[in-house]
Amino acid sequence: MENCVESSMKAFLVGGAVRDTLLGLPVLERDWVVVGETPESMVAKGFRLVGRDFPVFLHPDTREEYALARTERKTAPGYRGFVVHAAPDVTLEQDLARRDLTINAMAMTGDGRLIDPYGGARDLAEKVLRHVSPAFTEDPVRLLRVARFAARLAPRGFRVAEETMRLMRRMVEAGEVDALVPERVFAELAKALAEPAPGAFFEVLRDCGALARLFPEIDRLFGVPQPAEHHPEIDAGLHSLLVLAQAARLSPDPRVRFAALTHDLGKGLTPPASWPHHHGHEKAGLSALHGLCDRLKAPNDFRRLAERVMRYHGLCHRALTLRAATVVDLLQRLDALHRAEELDAFLLACEADAKGRLGYENRPYPQGAWMRKARQAALAVPVEPLLAQGHRGGDLGRALRLARIAAVRALPRP
């Protein structure tokens, strides 16, 4: 124990800190479970109560979270329908039993001894994501958490245990996922997008049937063909996951990854009679994107970038052959002349789209460098001479646009 505050307590390091220690990963935060205490005894030791739904305390010195050992009992549908029981007689094993996956149901004593009643260390070694008990089915958030852990650990070879996948399918069939509130779904989505292999999140959800319930706009892309000469992978759903993988390689920004994932939602709305072509899918997809963002209550910065990428990714791919006026107008629509970071995020998502095709992964994307040079050229146009010529108001804006077009036109093309 760290000091005299814990000297008379039975406190155990639990959850992600134990898992990541065994995996050799950095431990970003440490959570503790305390056995044999009451809220009153914790406060008497100097801990500060912060838990709203169950007793959680902050350590007076380290500020780490200490929770009383507890059990949970399902009393109503959804993920809020639980009664929590926290008392001195709840054992560590009982507390660990309520956790989602075996790899998250391990504990460690202050001197480093592992306590592993449900085989978490074995499943870490075998690279398996396995539920702890049948109580897994009582909380639909666990579907999202399993998918998110797949996104984190897929690069290490982890897979979902078949028996766990069967439970997840039964949860979907029973309608449990329908009880998830949009804010929680988006919160898990944003975390998954930040993981090393975000595509695994959607693959797991699709395998268990939850993708069609939670993200129907993405689910309907699977099975939709594209022209093989441009998309050797053919399937629009597979293309979207390949684009997401490229976005994850190019940028850690979840907004870029979200925009890359959703850029082709319009292809899921193309009438089958028009397959494999998808003329006008950029505009057609806007309704699907807006519906997805509205339902999930996505932040405005996610929505804004995704809409720009959906609208203009085709133009960006043709940037080297566009008229200078079109380039300048595109920069204006992207707000790129005021905010360089907006252009960078847009270009990364477009590059991910270009490379998210079988056999195209390592091809250069000179359009990105060209668009950045065009921005610099447009911004280098001085305003003072135009003012000296008497241009004001709207007339000044038109004159500045023409001058910027001339500057971009003078750039050598790659």
Protein backbone atom coordinates (compact mmCIF):
# COMPACT_ATOMS: atom_id res chain seq x y z
CA MET A 1 0.00 0.00 0.00
CA GLU A 2 1.14 3.49 -0.77
CA ASN A 3 0.79 5.11 2.66
CA CYS A 4 -0.93 4.91 6.01
CA VAL A 5 -4.31 5.80 4.49
CA GLU A 6 -4.54 2.29 2.99
CA SER A 7 -2.66 0.45 5.74
CA SER A 8 -5.85 -1.00 7.21
CA MET A 9 -7.73 -1.42 3.92
CA LYS A 10 -8.07 -4.33 1.52
CA ALA A 11 -7.59 -2.46 -1.76
CA PHE A 12 -6.92 -4.13 -5.10
CA LEU A 13 -5.86 -2.70 -8.44
CA VAL A 14 -8.45 -3.80 -11.01
CA GLY A 15 -9.58 -3.63 -14.62
CA GLY A 16 -7.65 -1.97 -17.38
CA ALA A 17 -4.58 -1.21 -15.29
CA VAL A 18 -4.06 -4.94 -14.62
CA ARG A 19 -4.83 -5.92 -18.21
CA ASP A 20 -2.47 -3.34 -19.71
CA THR A 21 0.28 -4.19 -17.22
CA LEU A 22 0.16 -7.82 -18.34
CA LEU A 23 0.11 -6.75 -22.00
CA GLY A 24 3.11 -4.49 -21.48
CA LEU A 25 1.11 -1.41 -22.42
CA PRO A 26 1.30 1.99 -20.70
CA VAL A 27 -1.11 2.29 -17.77
CA LEU A 28 -2.91 5.60 -18.19
CA GLU A 29 -5.09 5.40 -15.09
CA ARG A 30 -5.46 3.12 -12.10
CA ASP A 31 -8.74 2.06 -10.50
CA TRP A 32 -9.06 0.28 -7.18
CA VAL A 33 -11.68 -1.91 -5.52
CA VAL A 34 -11.96 -1.88 -1.73
CA VAL A 35 -13.33 -4.89 0.19
CA GLY A 36 -14.76 -4.78 3.70
CA GLU A 37 -15.41 -1.04 3.98
CA THR A 38 -18.45 1.22 4.18
CA PRO A 39 -19.00 4.75 2.86
CA GLU A 40 -18.65 6.03 6.40
CA SER A 41 -15.34 4.27 7.01
CA MET A 42 -13.96 5.54 3.69
CA VAL A 43 -14.86 9.13 4.51
CA ALA A 44 -13.33 8.70 7.96
CA LYS A 45 -10.07 7.73 6.26
CA GLY A 46 -10.05 10.96 4.28
CA PHE A 47 -11.53 9.74 0.98
CA ARG A 48 -14.00 11.99 -0.84
CA LEU A 49 -17.25 10.49 -2.14
CA VAL A 50 -17.80 11.23 -5.86
CA GLY A 51 -19.91 8.33 -7.13
CA ARG A 52 -23.51 9.12 -8.05
CA ASP A 53 -24.89 5.63 -8.77
CA PHE A 54 -22.61 3.62 -6.48
CA PRO A 55 -19.92 4.38 -3.87
CA VAL A 56 -16.77 5.69 -5.56
CA PHE A 57 -14.17 7.74 -3.69
CA LEU A 58 -11.12 9.80 -4.53
CA HIS A 59 -7.92 9.05 -2.66
CA PRO A 60 -6.91 12.06 -0.54
CA ASP A 61 -3.38 12.13 -1.98
CA THR A 62 -3.25 10.34 -5.36
CA ARG A 63 -6.77 11.33 -6.50
CA GLU A 64 -7.17 7.84 -7.92
CA GLU A 65 -10.63 6.25 -7.79
CA TYR A 66 -11.47 3.68 -5.13
CA ALA A 67 -14.83 1.90 -5.44
CA LEU A 68 -16.45 -0.29 -2.83
CA ALA A 69 -16.81 -3.90 -3.97
CA ARG A 70 -20.31 -4.33 -5.37
CA THR A 71 -22.72 -6.61 -7.17
CA GLU A 72 -25.37 -5.65 -9.70
CA ARG A 73 -28.82 -7.13 -10.34
CA LYS A 74 -30.83 -6.60 -13.52
CA THR A 75 -34.28 -5.17 -12.83
CA ALA A 76 -35.38 -3.53 -16.11
CA PRO A 77 -34.47 -3.46 -19.82
CA GLY A 78 -31.58 -1.37 -21.08
CA TYR A 79 -28.29 -0.45 -19.51
CA ARG A 80 -29.69 1.63 -16.65
CA GLY A 81 -31.98 -1.07 -15.27
CA PHE A 82 -29.72 -2.28 -12.46
CA VAL A 83 -29.82 -2.36 -8.68
CA VAL A 84 -26.36 -2.00 -7.13
CA HIS A 85 -25.44 -3.65 -3.84
CA ALA A 86 -22.25 -2.39 -2.16
CA ALA A 87 -21.55 -3.71 1.34
CA PRO A 88 -18.64 -4.97 3.45
CA ASP A 89 -19.65 -8.59 2.79
CA VAL A 90 -19.24 -8.35 -1.02
CA THR A 91 -16.10 -10.25 -2.01
CA LEU A 92 -13.52 -9.31 -4.59
CA GLU A 93 -14.51 -12.33 -6.70
CA GLN A 94 -18.14 -11.20 -6.68
CA ASP A 95 -17.12 -7.73 -7.79
CA LEU A 96 -14.98 -9.11 -10.62
CA ALA A 97 -17.79 -11.41 -11.75
CA ARG A 98 -19.96 -8.45 -12.83
CA ARG A 99 -17.35 -7.23 -15.34
CA ASP A 100 -17.69 -7.68 -19.07
CA LEU A 101 -14.63 -9.59 -20.28
CA THR A 102 -12.29 -11.97 -18.53
CA ILE A 103 -9.31 -9.80 -19.47
CA ASN A 104 -10.97 -6.96 -17.54
CA ALA A 105 -11.88 -9.16 -14.55
CA MET A 106 -8.46 -9.49 -12.96
CA ALA A 107 -7.09 -7.80 -9.86
CA MET A 108 -3.67 -7.23 -8.36
CA THR A 109 -2.58 -6.74 -4.78
CA GLY A 110 -0.42 -3.84 -3.70
CA ASP A 111 2.68 -6.06 -3.89
CA GLY A 112 1.90 -7.23 -7.45
CA ARG A 113 0.22 -10.61 -6.86
CA LEU A 114 -2.32 -11.45 -9.57
CA ILE A 115 -5.85 -12.50 -8.63
CA ASP A 116 -7.54 -14.09 -11.64
CA PRO A 117 -10.66 -16.13 -10.79
CA TYR A 118 -12.10 -16.14 -14.32
CA GLY A 119 -9.14 -16.96 -16.56
CA GLY A 120 -8.27 -13.50 -17.83
CA ALA A 121 -4.54 -14.18 -18.03
CA ARG A 122 -5.20 -17.33 -20.06
CA ASP A 123 -7.39 -15.40 -22.48
CA LEU A 124 -4.75 -12.70 -22.79
CA ALA A 125 -2.23 -15.37 -23.73
CA GLU A 126 -4.67 -16.96 -26.20
CA LYS A 127 -5.74 -13.54 -27.54
CA VAL A 128 -9.44 -14.07 -26.88
CA LEU A 129 -12.17 -11.61 -25.90
CA ARG A 130 -14.48 -13.73 -23.75
CA HIS A 131 -17.38 -12.79 -21.48
CA VAL A 132 -17.10 -13.48 -17.75
CA SER A 133 -20.59 -14.88 -17.15
CA PRO A 134 -24.10 -15.06 -18.67
CA ALA A 135 -24.79 -11.75 -16.89
CA PHE A 136 -22.95 -10.21 -19.85
CA THR A 137 -26.29 -10.14 -21.67
CA GLU A 138 -27.83 -7.79 -19.10
CA ASP A 139 -26.01 -4.68 -20.31
CA PRO A 140 -26.20 -3.73 -24.03
CA VAL A 141 -23.26 -1.32 -23.67
CA ARG A 142 -21.10 -4.43 -23.49
CA LEU A 143 -21.75 -5.06 -27.18
CA LEU A 144 -20.08 -1.75 -27.95
CA ARG A 145 -17.29 -2.36 -25.48
CA VAL A 146 -16.40 -5.74 -26.97
CA ALA A 147 -16.34 -4.17 -30.42
CA ARG A 148 -14.17 -1.35 -29.11
CA PHE A 149 -11.71 -3.75 -27.48
CA ALA A 150 -11.54 -5.57 -30.81
CA ALA A 151 -10.56 -2.26 -32.42
CA ARG A 152 -7.84 -1.83 -29.81
CA LEU A 153 -6.46 -5.34 -29.77
CA ALA A 154 -7.04 -6.67 -33.30
CA PRO A 155 -3.50 -5.63 -34.34
CA ARG A 156 -2.27 -7.98 -31.60
CA GLY A 157 -4.31 -10.84 -33.06
CA PHE A 158 -7.24 -10.82 -30.62
CA ARG A 159 -10.62 -12.23 -31.67
CA VAL A 160 -14.05 -12.50 -30.08
CA ALA A 161 -14.79 -15.94 -28.61
CA GLU A 162 -17.53 -17.71 -30.53
CA GLU A 163 -19.59 -18.28 -27.40
CA THR A 164 -19.41 -14.56 -26.67
CA MET A 165 -20.47 -13.74 -30.22
CA ARG A 166 -23.47 -16.04 -29.80
CA LEU A 167 -24.50 -14.16 -26.68
CA MET A 168 -24.14 -10.86 -28.51
CA ARG A 169 -26.35 -12.09 -31.36
CA ARG A 170 -29.02 -13.12 -28.88
CA MET A 171 -28.85 -9.67 -27.28
CA VAL A 172 -29.43 -8.03 -30.66
CA GLU A 173 -32.31 -10.39 -31.45
CA ALA A 174 -33.89 -9.58 -28.09
CA GLY A 175 -33.80 -5.85 -28.89
CA GLU A 176 -31.38 -4.94 -26.10
CA VAL A 177 -29.38 -2.60 -28.35
CA ASP A 178 -32.50 -0.55 -29.00
CA ALA A 179 -32.30 0.68 -25.40
CA LEU A 180 -28.94 2.40 -25.95
CA VAL A 181 -29.15 6.18 -25.83
CA PRO A 182 -27.52 8.09 -28.72
CA GLU A 183 -24.97 9.87 -26.54
CA ARG A 184 -23.59 6.56 -25.27
CA VAL A 185 -23.44 5.09 -28.76
CA PHE A 186 -21.52 8.08 -30.07
CA ALA A 187 -19.20 8.08 -27.06
CA GLU A 188 -18.22 4.47 -27.75
CA LEU A 189 -17.96 5.21 -31.48
CA ALA A 190 -15.59 8.13 -30.86
CA LYS A 191 -13.41 5.95 -28.63
CA ALA A 192 -13.38 3.16 -31.22
CA LEU A 193 -12.40 5.59 -33.98
CA ALA A 194 -9.34 6.53 -31.91
CA GLU A 195 -8.19 2.91 -31.59
CA PRO A 196 -5.44 1.38 -33.78
CA ALA A 197 -7.85 -0.72 -35.89
CA PRO A 198 -11.20 1.09 -35.87
CA GLY A 199 -12.58 -1.06 -38.67
CA ALA A 200 -12.69 -4.04 -36.29
CA PHE A 201 -15.36 -2.17 -34.28
CA PHE A 202 -17.72 -2.25 -37.25
CA GLU A 203 -16.79 -5.79 -38.24
CA VAL A 204 -17.72 -7.11 -34.80
CA LEU A 205 -20.97 -5.16 -34.76
CA ARG A 206 -21.82 -6.50 -38.20
CA ASP A 207 -21.04 -10.08 -37.16
CA CYS A 208 -23.48 -9.89 -34.26
CA GLY A 209 -26.17 -8.00 -36.17
CA ALA A 210 -25.87 -4.76 -34.20
CA LEU A 211 -24.50 -2.71 -37.10
CA ALA A 212 -27.88 -2.74 -38.86
CA ARG A 213 -29.58 -1.52 -35.67
CA LEU A 214 -27.08 1.12 -34.60
CA PHE A 215 -25.49 2.24 -37.89
CA PRO A 216 -27.88 1.24 -40.69
CA GLU A 217 -26.38 3.83 -43.04
CA ILE A 218 -23.07 1.97 -42.89
CA ASP A 219 -24.56 -1.51 -42.82
CA ARG A 220 -26.46 -1.01 -46.09
CA LEU A 221 -23.19 -0.40 -47.95
CA PHE A 222 -22.23 -4.05 -47.68
CA GLY A 223 -23.22 -6.04 -50.74
CA VAL A 224 -23.40 -2.93 -52.93
CA PRO A 225 -21.06 -3.31 -55.96
CA GLN A 226 -18.81 -0.63 -57.45
CA PRO A 227 -17.03 -0.58 -60.84
CA ALA A 228 -14.19 -3.09 -60.63
CA GLU A 229 -11.86 -0.96 -62.78
CA HIS A 230 -11.81 1.72 -60.07
CA HIS A 231 -12.58 -0.47 -57.05
CA PRO A 232 -10.93 -3.89 -57.24
CA GLU A 233 -12.50 -4.67 -53.84
CA ILE A 234 -15.92 -4.09 -55.54
CA ASP A 235 -18.02 -4.07 -52.34
CA ALA A 236 -18.84 -0.54 -51.09
CA GLY A 237 -18.88 -1.66 -47.46
CA LEU A 238 -15.45 -3.23 -47.76
CA HIS A 239 -14.23 -0.07 -49.48
CA SER A 240 -15.46 2.04 -46.55
CA LEU A 241 -13.53 -0.10 -44.08
CA LEU A 242 -10.41 0.04 -46.27
CA VAL A 243 -10.72 3.83 -46.36
CA LEU A 244 -11.11 3.89 -42.58
CA ALA A 245 -7.96 1.78 -42.23
CA GLN A 246 -6.05 4.24 -44.42
CA ALA A 247 -7.40 7.16 -42.42
CA ALA A 248 -6.19 5.47 -39.23
CA ARG A 249 -2.75 5.16 -40.81
CA LEU A 250 -2.70 8.80 -41.94
CA SER A 251 -4.21 10.60 -38.95
CA PRO A 252 -5.03 10.05 -35.26
CA ASP A 253 -7.92 12.54 -35.53
CA PRO A 254 -11.30 10.78 -34.95
CA ARG A 255 -12.99 13.44 -37.11
CA VAL A 256 -10.85 12.50 -40.11
CA ARG A 257 -11.59 8.83 -39.51
CA PHE A 258 -15.34 9.47 -39.19
CA ALA A 259 -15.38 11.51 -42.41
CA ALA A 260 -13.45 8.78 -44.21
CA LEU A 261 -15.84 6.10 -42.99
CA THR A 262 -18.99 7.98 -44.02
CA HIS A 263 -17.88 9.62 -47.28
CA ASP A 264 -19.71 7.11 -49.51
CA LEU A 265 -22.99 6.66 -47.63
CA GLY A 266 -24.80 7.72 -50.78
CA LYS A 267 -23.80 4.48 -52.50
CA GLY A 268 -26.08 2.64 -50.11
CA LEU A 269 -29.00 4.59 -51.58
CA THR A 270 -28.27 3.91 -55.26
CA PRO A 271 -31.13 1.96 -56.92
CA PRO A 272 -29.93 -1.58 -57.73
CA ALA A 273 -30.85 -1.04 -61.36
CA SER A 274 -28.01 1.51 -61.57
CA TRP A 275 -25.35 -0.73 -60.02
CA PRO A 276 -22.35 -0.81 -60.12
CA HIS A 277 -22.37 2.91 -60.95
CA HIS A 278 -23.24 5.57 -58.38
CA HIS A 279 -23.67 8.83 -60.22
CA GLY A 280 -24.44 11.70 -57.86
CA HIS A 281 -23.76 9.67 -54.73
CA GLU A 282 -21.99 12.64 -53.12
CA LYS A 283 -25.19 14.66 -53.01
CA ALA A 284 -27.46 11.68 -52.43
CA GLY A 285 -25.53 10.69 -49.31
CA LEU A 286 -26.10 13.97 -47.49
CA SER A 287 -29.51 12.92 -46.20
CA ALA A 288 -28.05 9.70 -44.79
CA LEU A 289 -25.16 11.56 -43.20
CA HIS A 290 -27.45 14.14 -41.63
CA GLY A 291 -29.73 11.39 -40.35
CA LEU A 292 -26.80 9.55 -38.79
CA CYS A 293 -25.37 12.68 -37.17
CA ASP A 294 -28.78 13.82 -35.93
CA ARG A 295 -29.57 10.45 -34.40
CA LEU A 296 -26.20 10.09 -32.67
CA LYS A 297 -26.08 13.79 -31.73
CA ALA A 298 -22.63 14.00 -33.28
CA PRO A 299 -20.62 17.15 -32.48
CA ASN A 300 -20.67 19.89 -35.10
CA ASP A 301 -16.99 19.50 -35.97
CA PHE A 302 -17.53 15.81 -36.85
CA ARG A 303 -20.59 16.68 -38.93
CA ARG A 304 -18.96 19.61 -40.72
CA LEU A 305 -15.86 17.74 -41.86
CA ALA A 306 -17.84 14.63 -42.86
CA GLU A 307 -20.19 16.73 -44.98
CA ARG A 308 -17.32 18.52 -46.73
CA VAL A 309 -15.56 15.26 -47.51
CA MET A 310 -18.78 13.71 -48.79
CA ARG A 311 -19.58 16.70 -51.02
CA TYR A 312 -16.14 17.42 -52.41
CA HIS A 313 -13.94 14.31 -52.32
CA GLY A 314 -14.54 13.74 -56.02
CA LEU A 315 -13.40 17.28 -56.81
CA CYS A 316 -10.31 16.80 -54.68
CA HIS A 317 -9.36 13.65 -56.57
CA ARG A 318 -9.49 15.72 -59.80
CA ALA A 319 -7.60 18.67 -58.31
CA LEU A 320 -4.68 18.44 -60.76
CA THR A 321 -6.98 19.00 -63.73
CA LEU A 322 -9.48 21.46 -62.26
CA ARG A 323 -9.79 25.00 -63.52
CA ALA A 324 -8.08 27.52 -61.26
CA ALA A 325 -11.44 29.15 -60.51
CA THR A 326 -12.84 25.83 -59.31
CA VAL A 327 -9.82 25.33 -57.04
CA VAL A 328 -10.19 28.76 -55.46
CA ASP A 329 -13.92 28.30 -54.95
CA LEU A 330 -13.31 24.89 -53.40
CA LEU A 331 -10.79 26.39 -50.97
CA GLN A 332 -13.37 28.99 -50.04
CA ARG A 333 -16.10 26.39 -49.42
CA LEU A 334 -13.74 24.39 -47.22
CA ASP A 335 -12.93 27.51 -45.14
CA ALA A 336 -9.35 26.65 -46.02
CA LEU A 337 -8.32 30.25 -46.64
CA HIS A 338 -8.96 31.04 -42.98
CA ARG A 339 -8.09 27.75 -41.28
CA ALA A 340 -5.25 25.59 -42.57
CA GLU A 341 -6.20 22.75 -40.23
CA GLU A 342 -9.59 22.43 -41.96
CA LEU A 343 -7.87 21.87 -45.30
CA ASP A 344 -5.42 19.38 -43.81
CA ALA A 345 -8.20 17.29 -42.26
CA PHE A 346 -10.16 17.34 -45.52
CA LEU A 347 -7.14 16.33 -47.61
CA LEU A 348 -6.22 13.46 -45.28
CA ALA A 349 -9.71 12.01 -45.55
CA CYS A 350 -9.62 12.35 -49.34
CA GLU A 351 -6.21 10.69 -49.50
CA ALA A 352 -7.57 7.85 -47.38
CA ASP A 353 -10.40 7.43 -49.90
CA ALA A 354 -7.99 7.29 -52.82
CA LYS A 355 -5.79 4.72 -51.09
CA GLY A 356 -8.62 2.69 -49.57
CA ARG A 357 -8.81 0.36 -52.57
CA LEU A 358 -7.17 -3.00 -53.12
CA GLY A 359 -3.79 -2.43 -54.75
CA TYR A 360 -3.92 1.36 -54.31
CA GLU A 361 -2.67 1.50 -50.72
CA ASN A 362 0.82 2.80 -51.50
CA ARG A 363 0.08 5.01 -54.48
CA PRO A 364 1.07 8.67 -54.10
CA TYR A 365 -1.60 11.33 -53.72
CA PRO A 366 -0.10 14.49 -55.25
CA GLN A 367 -3.47 16.23 -55.07
CA GLY A 368 -2.85 16.96 -51.40
CA ALA A 369 0.41 18.82 -51.96
CA TRP A 370 -1.10 20.67 -54.94
CA MET A 371 -4.10 21.89 -52.94
CA ARG A 372 -1.81 23.14 -50.17
CA LYS A 373 0.31 25.05 -52.71
CA ALA A 374 -2.85 26.51 -54.21
CA ARG A 375 -3.91 27.72 -50.80
CA GLN A 376 -0.54 29.38 -50.22
CA ALA A 377 -0.68 31.05 -53.61
CA ALA A 378 -4.19 32.35 -52.99
CA LEU A 379 -3.30 33.69 -49.57
CA ALA A 380 -0.17 35.39 -50.93
CA VAL A 381 -2.29 37.75 -53.03
CA PRO A 382 -2.01 41.22 -51.40
CA VAL A 383 -5.17 43.20 -50.73
CA GLU A 384 -3.55 46.65 -50.57
CA PRO A 385 -3.20 47.15 -54.37
CA LEU A 386 -6.86 46.29 -54.81
CA LEU A 387 -7.81 48.84 -52.19
CA ALA A 388 -5.60 51.40 -53.89
CA GLN A 389 -7.51 50.72 -57.10
CA GLY A 390 -10.70 51.72 -55.31
CA HIS A 391 -12.24 48.30 -54.76
CA ARG A 392 -14.57 48.17 -51.74
CA GLY A 393 -17.18 45.84 -50.25
CA GLY A 394 -18.53 43.18 -52.59
CA ASP A 395 -16.49 44.59 -55.45
CA LEU A 396 -13.33 44.05 -53.39
CA GLY A 397 -14.31 40.43 -52.77
CA ARG A 398 -14.83 39.82 -56.48
CA ALA A 399 -11.54 41.46 -57.39
CA LEU A 400 -9.70 39.45 -54.74
CA ARG A 401 -11.22 36.23 -56.05
CA LEU A 402 -10.06 37.01 -59.60
CA ALA A 403 -6.56 37.83 -58.36
CA ARG A 404 -6.40 34.57 -56.45
CA ILE A 405 -7.57 32.64 -59.50
CA ALA A 406 -4.75 34.23 -61.50
CA ALA A 407 -2.23 33.29 -58.83
CA VAL A 408 -3.37 29.66 -58.79
CA ARG A 409 -3.43 29.55 -62.59
CA ALA A 410 0.21 30.63 -62.63
CA LEU A 411 1.29 27.66 -60.50
CA PRO A 412 3.07 24.87 -62.37
CA ARG A 413 0.96 21.71 -62.42
CA PRO A 414 2.55 18.42 -61.28
